[in-house]
Amino acid sequence: IFALVLAAIAIWAGGSRAARPGPAADRP
């Protein structure tokens, strides 16, 4: 199995998105 872990990357697995500030309105 050649799992395309798109590390940093797109994962073709349903994983939780890493935390990041929200939309532009929430940014500095």
PDB file of all heavy atoms in Angstrom:
ATOM      1  N   ILE A   1       0.851  -1.188   0.000  1.00  0.00           N
ATOM      2  CA  ILE A   1       0.000   0.000   0.000  1.00  0.00           C
ATOM      3  C   ILE A   1       0.885   1.234   0.000  1.00  0.00           C
ATOM      4  O   ILE A   1       1.700   1.425   0.888  1.00  0.00           O
ATOM      5  CB  ILE A   1      -0.911   0.005   1.236  1.00  0.00           C
ATOM      6  CG1 ILE A   1      -1.850  -1.207   1.187  1.00  0.00           C
ATOM      7  CG2 ILE A   1      -1.723   1.295   1.300  1.00  0.00           C
ATOM      8  CD1 ILE A   1      -2.782  -1.228   0.018  1.00  0.00           C
ATOM      9  N   PHE A   2       0.715   2.071  -1.028  1.00  0.00           N
ATOM     10  CA  PHE A   2       1.478   3.311  -1.139  1.00  0.00           C
ATOM     11  C   PHE A   2       0.546   4.431  -0.725  1.00  0.00           C
ATOM     12  O   PHE A   2      -0.121   5.050  -1.513  1.00  0.00           O
ATOM     13  CB  PHE A   2       1.942   3.483  -2.583  1.00  0.00           C
ATOM     14  CG  PHE A   2       2.986   4.527  -2.777  1.00  0.00           C
ATOM     15  CD1 PHE A   2       4.321   4.244  -2.564  1.00  0.00           C
ATOM     16  CD2 PHE A   2       2.628   5.793  -3.194  1.00  0.00           C
ATOM     17  CE1 PHE A   2       5.281   5.200  -2.785  1.00  0.00           C
ATOM     18  CE2 PHE A   2       3.594   6.751  -3.417  1.00  0.00           C
ATOM     19  CZ  PHE A   2       4.923   6.450  -3.212  1.00  0.00           C
ATOM     20  N   ALA A   3       0.438   4.656   0.585  1.00  0.00           N
ATOM     21  CA  ALA A   3      -0.500   5.659   1.091  1.00  0.00           C
ATOM     22  C   ALA A   3       0.067   7.033   0.807  1.00  0.00           C
ATOM     23  O   ALA A   3       1.162   7.337   1.220  1.00  0.00           O
ATOM     24  CB  ALA A   3      -0.699   5.465   2.584  1.00  0.00           C
ATOM     25  N   LEU A   4      -0.681   7.824   0.123  1.00  0.00           N
ATOM     26  CA  LEU A   4      -0.209   9.164  -0.179  1.00  0.00           C
ATOM     27  C   LEU A   4      -0.486  10.059   1.007  1.00  0.00           C
ATOM     28  O   LEU A   4      -1.488  10.732   1.064  1.00  0.00           O
ATOM     29  CB  LEU A   4      -0.889   9.709  -1.428  1.00  0.00           C
ATOM     30  CG  LEU A   4      -0.465   9.001  -2.694  1.00  0.00           C
ATOM     31  CD1 LEU A   4      -1.118   9.660  -3.879  1.00  0.00           C
ATOM     32  CD2 LEU A   4       1.026   9.067  -2.834  1.00  0.00           C
ATOM     33  N   VAL A   5       0.419   9.986   1.986  1.00  0.00           N
ATOM     34  CA  VAL A   5       0.299  10.894   3.112  1.00  0.00           C
ATOM     35  C   VAL A   5       0.857  12.212   2.618  1.00  0.00           C
ATOM     36  O   VAL A   5       2.040  12.346   2.436  1.00  0.00           O
ATOM     37  CB  VAL A   5       1.107  10.390   4.309  1.00  0.00           C
ATOM     38  CG1 VAL A   5       1.008  11.375   5.445  1.00  0.00           C
ATOM     39  CG2 VAL A   5       0.613   9.039   4.732  1.00  0.00           C
ATOM     40  N   LEU A   6       0.045  13.152   2.379  1.00  0.00           N
ATOM     41  CA  LEU A   6       0.509  14.410   1.813  1.00  0.00           C
ATOM     42  C   LEU A   6       0.910  15.283   2.976  1.00  0.00           C
ATOM     43  O   LEU A   6       0.153  16.083   3.479  1.00  0.00           O
ATOM     44  CB  LEU A   6      -0.582  15.024   0.951  1.00  0.00           C
ATOM     45  CG  LEU A   6      -1.084  14.004  -0.065  1.00  0.00           C
ATOM     46  CD1 LEU A   6      -2.197  14.577  -0.883  1.00  0.00           C
ATOM     47  CD2 LEU A   6       0.052  13.562  -0.938  1.00  0.00           C
ATOM     48  N   ALA A   7       2.116  15.045   3.413  1.00  0.00           N
ATOM     49  CA  ALA A   7       2.537  15.591   4.673  1.00  0.00           C
ATOM     50  C   ALA A   7       3.045  16.984   4.472  1.00  0.00           C
ATOM     51  O   ALA A   7       4.102  17.216   3.992  1.00  0.00           O
ATOM     52  CB  ALA A   7       3.624  14.705   5.249  1.00  0.00           C
ATOM     53  N   ALA A   8       2.330  17.819   4.828  1.00  0.00           N
ATOM     54  CA  ALA A   8       2.498  19.273   4.918  1.00  0.00           C
ATOM     55  C   ALA A   8       1.838  19.999   3.832  1.00  0.00           C
ATOM     56  O   ALA A   8       2.115  21.080   3.522  1.00  0.00           O
ATOM     57  CB  ALA A   8       3.926  19.646   4.893  1.00  0.00           C
ATOM     58  N   ILE A   9       1.356  19.325   3.360  1.00  0.00           N
ATOM     59  CA  ILE A   9       1.058  18.112   2.592  1.00  0.00           C
ATOM     60  C   ILE A   9      -0.457  17.967   2.601  1.00  0.00           C
ATOM     61  O   ILE A   9      -1.082  18.185   3.585  1.00  0.00           O
ATOM     62  CB  ILE A   9       1.677  16.838   3.215  1.00  0.00           C
ATOM     63  CG1 ILE A   9       3.187  16.868   3.150  1.00  0.00           C
ATOM     64  CG2 ILE A   9       1.205  15.630   2.472  1.00  0.00           C
ATOM     65  CD1 ILE A   9       3.824  15.705   3.833  1.00  0.00           C
ATOM     66  N   ALA A  10      -0.967  17.400   1.469  1.00  0.00           N
ATOM     67  CA  ALA A  10      -2.354  17.010   1.470  1.00  0.00           C
ATOM     68  C   ALA A  10      -2.423  15.591   1.927  1.00  0.00           C
ATOM     69  O   ALA A  10      -1.723  14.783   1.424  1.00  0.00           O
ATOM     70  CB  ALA A  10      -2.899  17.082   0.068  1.00  0.00           C
ATOM     71  N   ILE A  11      -3.266  15.271   2.897  1.00  0.00           N
ATOM     72  CA  ILE A  11      -3.456  13.875   3.200  1.00  0.00           C
ATOM     73  C   ILE A  11      -4.722  13.452   2.509  1.00  0.00           C
ATOM     74  O   ILE A  11      -5.716  14.088   2.646  1.00  0.00           O
ATOM     75  CB  ILE A  11      -3.782  13.602   4.646  1.00  0.00           C
ATOM     76  CG1 ILE A  11      -2.870  14.248   5.556  1.00  0.00           C
ATOM     77  CG2 ILE A  11      -3.556  12.245   4.979  1.00  0.00           C
ATOM     78  CD1 ILE A  11      -3.182  13.647   6.914  1.00  0.00           C
ATOM     79  N   TRP A  12      -4.691  12.332   1.866  1.00  0.00           N
ATOM     80  CA  TRP A  12      -5.927  11.844   1.284  1.00  0.00           C
ATOM     81  C   TRP A  12      -6.697  11.051   2.319  1.00  0.00           C
ATOM     82  O   TRP A  12      -7.569  10.274   1.995  1.00  0.00           O
ATOM     83  CB  TRP A  12      -5.644  11.005   0.048  1.00  0.00           C
ATOM     84  CG  TRP A  12      -5.187  11.853  -1.057  1.00  0.00           C
ATOM     85  CD1 TRP A  12      -5.073  13.191  -1.053  1.00  0.00           C
ATOM     86  CD2 TRP A  12      -4.760  11.434  -2.334  1.00  0.00           C
ATOM     87  NE1 TRP A  12      -4.603  13.622  -2.241  1.00  0.00           N
ATOM     88  CE2 TRP A  12      -4.405  12.568  -3.045  1.00  0.00           C
ATOM     89  CE3 TRP A  12      -4.649  10.170  -2.952  1.00  0.00           C
ATOM     90  CZ2 TRP A  12      -3.951  12.503  -4.337  1.00  0.00           C
ATOM     91  CZ3 TRP A  12      -4.194  10.116  -4.236  1.00  0.00           C
ATOM     92  CH2 TRP A  12      -3.851  11.277  -4.916  1.00  0.00           C
ATOM     93  N   ALA A  13      -6.303  11.215   3.560  1.00  0.00           N
ATOM     94  CA  ALA A  13      -7.064  10.607   4.632  1.00  0.00           C
ATOM     95  C   ALA A  13      -7.834  11.701   5.327  1.00  0.00           C
ATOM     96  O   ALA A  13      -7.385  12.811   5.416  1.00  0.00           O
ATOM     97  CB  ALA A  13      -6.115   9.950   5.630  1.00  0.00           C
ATOM     98  N   GLY A  14      -8.956  11.390   5.863  1.00  0.00           N
ATOM     99  CA  GLY A  14      -9.689  12.398   6.622  1.00  0.00           C
ATOM    100  C   GLY A  14      -9.093  12.521   7.988  1.00  0.00           C
ATOM    101  O   GLY A  14      -9.365  11.729   8.858  1.00  0.00           O
ATOM    102  N   GLY A  15      -8.266  13.544   8.155  1.00  0.00           N
ATOM    103  CA  GLY A  15      -7.683  13.822   9.453  1.00  0.00           C
ATOM    104  C   GLY A  15      -8.046  15.211   9.872  1.00  0.00           C
ATOM    105  O   GLY A  15      -8.457  16.027   9.075  1.00  0.00           O
ATOM    106  N   SER A  16      -7.904  15.526  11.117  1.00  0.00           N
ATOM    107  CA  SER A  16      -8.276  16.851  11.601  1.00  0.00           C
ATOM    108  C   SER A  16      -7.248  17.864  11.150  1.00  0.00           C
ATOM    109  O   SER A  16      -6.062  17.617  11.191  1.00  0.00           O
ATOM    110  CB  SER A  16      -8.342  16.835  13.128  1.00  0.00           C
ATOM    111  OG  SER A  16      -7.100  16.472  13.668  1.00  0.00           O
ATOM    112  N   ARG A  17      -7.716  19.033  10.683  1.00  0.00           N
ATOM    113  CA  ARG A  17      -6.833  20.087  10.228  1.00  0.00           C
ATOM    114  C   ARG A  17      -6.105  20.693  11.424  1.00  0.00           C
ATOM    115  O   ARG A  17      -6.675  20.915  12.468  1.00  0.00           O
ATOM    116  CB  ARG A  17      -7.650  21.155   9.499  1.00  0.00           C
ATOM    117  CG  ARG A  17      -6.787  22.203   8.842  1.00  0.00           C
ATOM    118  CD  ARG A  17      -7.646  23.210   8.113  1.00  0.00           C
ATOM    119  NE  ARG A  17      -8.405  22.582   7.065  1.00  0.00           N
ATOM    120  CZ  ARG A  17      -7.957  22.407   5.829  1.00  0.00           C
ATOM    121  NH1 ARG A  17      -6.751  22.797   5.534  1.00  0.00           N
ATOM    122  NH2 ARG A  17      -8.707  21.839   4.924  1.00  0.00           N
ATOM    123  N   ALA A  18      -4.814  20.949  11.219  1.00  0.00           N
ATOM    124  CA  ALA A  18      -4.041  21.553  12.301  1.00  0.00           C
ATOM    125  C   ALA A  18      -4.586  22.930  12.629  1.00  0.00           C
ATOM    126  O   ALA A  18      -5.132  23.619  11.796  1.00  0.00           O
ATOM    127  CB  ALA A  18      -2.568  21.656  11.886  1.00  0.00           C
ATOM    128  N   ALA A  19      -4.438  23.322  13.887  1.00  0.00           N
ATOM    129  CA  ALA A  19      -4.976  24.596  14.341  1.00  0.00           C
ATOM    130  C   ALA A  19      -4.322  25.751  13.607  1.00  0.00           C
ATOM    131  O   ALA A  19      -3.141  25.739  13.340  1.00  0.00           O
ATOM    132  CB  ALA A  19      -4.721  24.752  15.839  1.00  0.00           C
ATOM    133  N   ARG A  20      -5.135  26.743  13.269  1.00  0.00           N
ATOM    134  CA  ARG A  20      -4.653  27.928  12.580  1.00  0.00           C
ATOM    135  C   ARG A  20      -5.677  29.025  12.775  1.00  0.00           C
ATOM    136  O   ARG A  20      -6.858  28.756  12.893  1.00  0.00           O
ATOM    137  CB  ARG A  20      -4.483  27.632  11.085  1.00  0.00           C
ATOM    138  CG  ARG A  20      -4.006  28.853  10.281  1.00  0.00           C
ATOM    139  CD  ARG A  20      -3.872  28.456   8.828  1.00  0.00           C
ATOM    140  NE  ARG A  20      -3.605  29.599   7.987  1.00  0.00           N
ATOM    141  CZ  ARG A  20      -2.406  30.076   7.740  1.00  0.00           C
ATOM    142  NH1 ARG A  20      -1.368  29.526   8.302  1.00  0.00           N
ATOM    143  NH2 ARG A  20      -2.249  31.108   6.933  1.00  0.00           N
ATOM    144  N   PRO A  21      -5.243  30.281  12.828  1.00  0.00           N
ATOM    145  CA  PRO A  21      -6.207  31.350  12.971  1.00  0.00           C
ATOM    146  C   PRO A  21      -7.262  31.290  11.881  1.00  0.00           C
ATOM    147  O   PRO A  21      -7.018  30.787  10.794  1.00  0.00           O
ATOM    148  CB  PRO A  21      -5.339  32.611  12.835  1.00  0.00           C
ATOM    149  CG  PRO A  21      -3.980  32.171  13.262  1.00  0.00           C
ATOM    150  CD  PRO A  21      -3.869  30.749  12.818  1.00  0.00           C
ATOM    151  N   GLY A  22      -8.438  31.851  12.166  1.00  0.00           N
ATOM    152  CA  GLY A  22      -9.577  31.740  11.277  1.00  0.00           C
ATOM    153  C   GLY A  22      -9.520  32.663  10.093  1.00  0.00           C
ATOM    154  O   GLY A  22      -8.453  33.020   9.628  1.00  0.00           O
ATOM    155  N   PRO A  23     -10.694  33.069   9.581  1.00  0.00           N
ATOM    156  CA  PRO A  23     -10.746  33.888   8.388  1.00  0.00           C
ATOM    157  C   PRO A  23     -10.014  35.200   8.563  1.00  0.00           C
ATOM    158  O   PRO A  23      -9.573  35.578   9.647  1.00  0.00           O
ATOM    159  CB  PRO A  23     -12.257  34.118   8.201  1.00  0.00           C
ATOM    160  CG  PRO A  23     -12.912  33.026   8.959  1.00  0.00           C
ATOM    161  CD  PRO A  23     -12.017  32.724  10.112  1.00  0.00           C
ATOM    162  N   ALA A  24      -9.941  35.924   7.428  1.00  0.00           N
ATOM    163  CA  ALA A  24      -9.162  37.171   7.444  1.00  0.00           C
ATOM    164  C   ALA A  24      -9.635  38.122   8.521  1.00  0.00           C
ATOM    165  O   ALA A  24      -8.837  38.856   9.113  1.00  0.00           O
ATOM    166  CB  ALA A  24      -9.253  37.833   6.066  1.00  0.00           C
ATOM    167  N   ALA A  25     -10.931  38.137   8.797  1.00  0.00           N
ATOM    168  CA  ALA A  25     -11.462  39.062   9.806  1.00  0.00           C
ATOM    169  C   ALA A  25     -10.880  38.789  11.187  1.00  0.00           C
ATOM    170  O   ALA A  25     -10.836  39.662  12.045  1.00  0.00           O
ATOM    171  CB  ALA A  25     -12.980  38.968   9.843  1.00  0.00           C
ATOM    172  N   ASP A  26     -10.445  37.552  11.421  1.00  0.00           N
ATOM    173  CA  ASP A  26      -9.909  37.195  12.726  1.00  0.00           C
ATOM    174  C   ASP A  26      -8.396  37.369  12.805  1.00  0.00           C
ATOM    175  O   ASP A  26      -7.803  37.157  13.852  1.00  0.00           O
ATOM    176  CB  ASP A  26     -10.244  35.730  13.038  1.00  0.00           C
ATOM    177  CG  ASP A  26     -11.740  35.500  13.091  1.00  0.00           C
ATOM    178  OD1 ASP A  26     -12.460  36.433  13.490  1.00  0.00           O
ATOM    179  OD2 ASP A  26     -12.182  34.409  12.719  1.00  0.00           O
ATOM    180  N   ARG A  27      -7.763  37.724  11.679  1.00  0.00           N
ATOM    181  CA  ARG A  27      -6.320  37.852  11.645  1.00  0.00           C
ATOM    182  C   ARG A  27      -5.892  39.235  12.106  1.00  0.00           C
ATOM    183  O   ARG A  27      -6.678  40.174  12.116  1.00  0.00           O
ATOM    184  CB  ARG A  27      -5.809  37.621  10.214  1.00  0.00           C
ATOM    185  CG  ARG A  27      -6.140  36.236   9.684  1.00  0.00           C
ATOM    186  CD  ARG A  27      -5.457  35.154  10.510  1.00  0.00           C
ATOM    187  NE  ARG A  27      -5.714  33.856   9.913  1.00  0.00           N
ATOM    188  CZ  ARG A  27      -4.972  33.336   8.934  1.00  0.00           C
ATOM    189  NH1 ARG A  27      -3.956  34.011   8.466  1.00  0.00           N
ATOM    190  NH2 ARG A  27      -5.260  32.168   8.446  1.00  0.00           N
ATOM    191  N   PRO A  28      -4.613  39.414  12.448  1.00  0.00           N
ATOM    192  CA  PRO A  28      -4.137  40.743  12.804  1.00  0.00           C
ATOM    193  C   PRO A  28      -4.343  41.724  11.658  1.00  0.00           C
ATOM    194  O   PRO A  28      -4.276  41.353  10.489  1.00  0.00           O
ATOM    195  CB  PRO A  28      -2.634  40.524  13.077  1.00  0.00           C
ATOM    196  CG  PRO A  28      -2.520  39.070  13.389  1.00  0.00           C
ATOM    197  CD  PRO A  28      -3.584  38.390  12.577  1.00  0.00           C
TER     198      PRO A  28
END
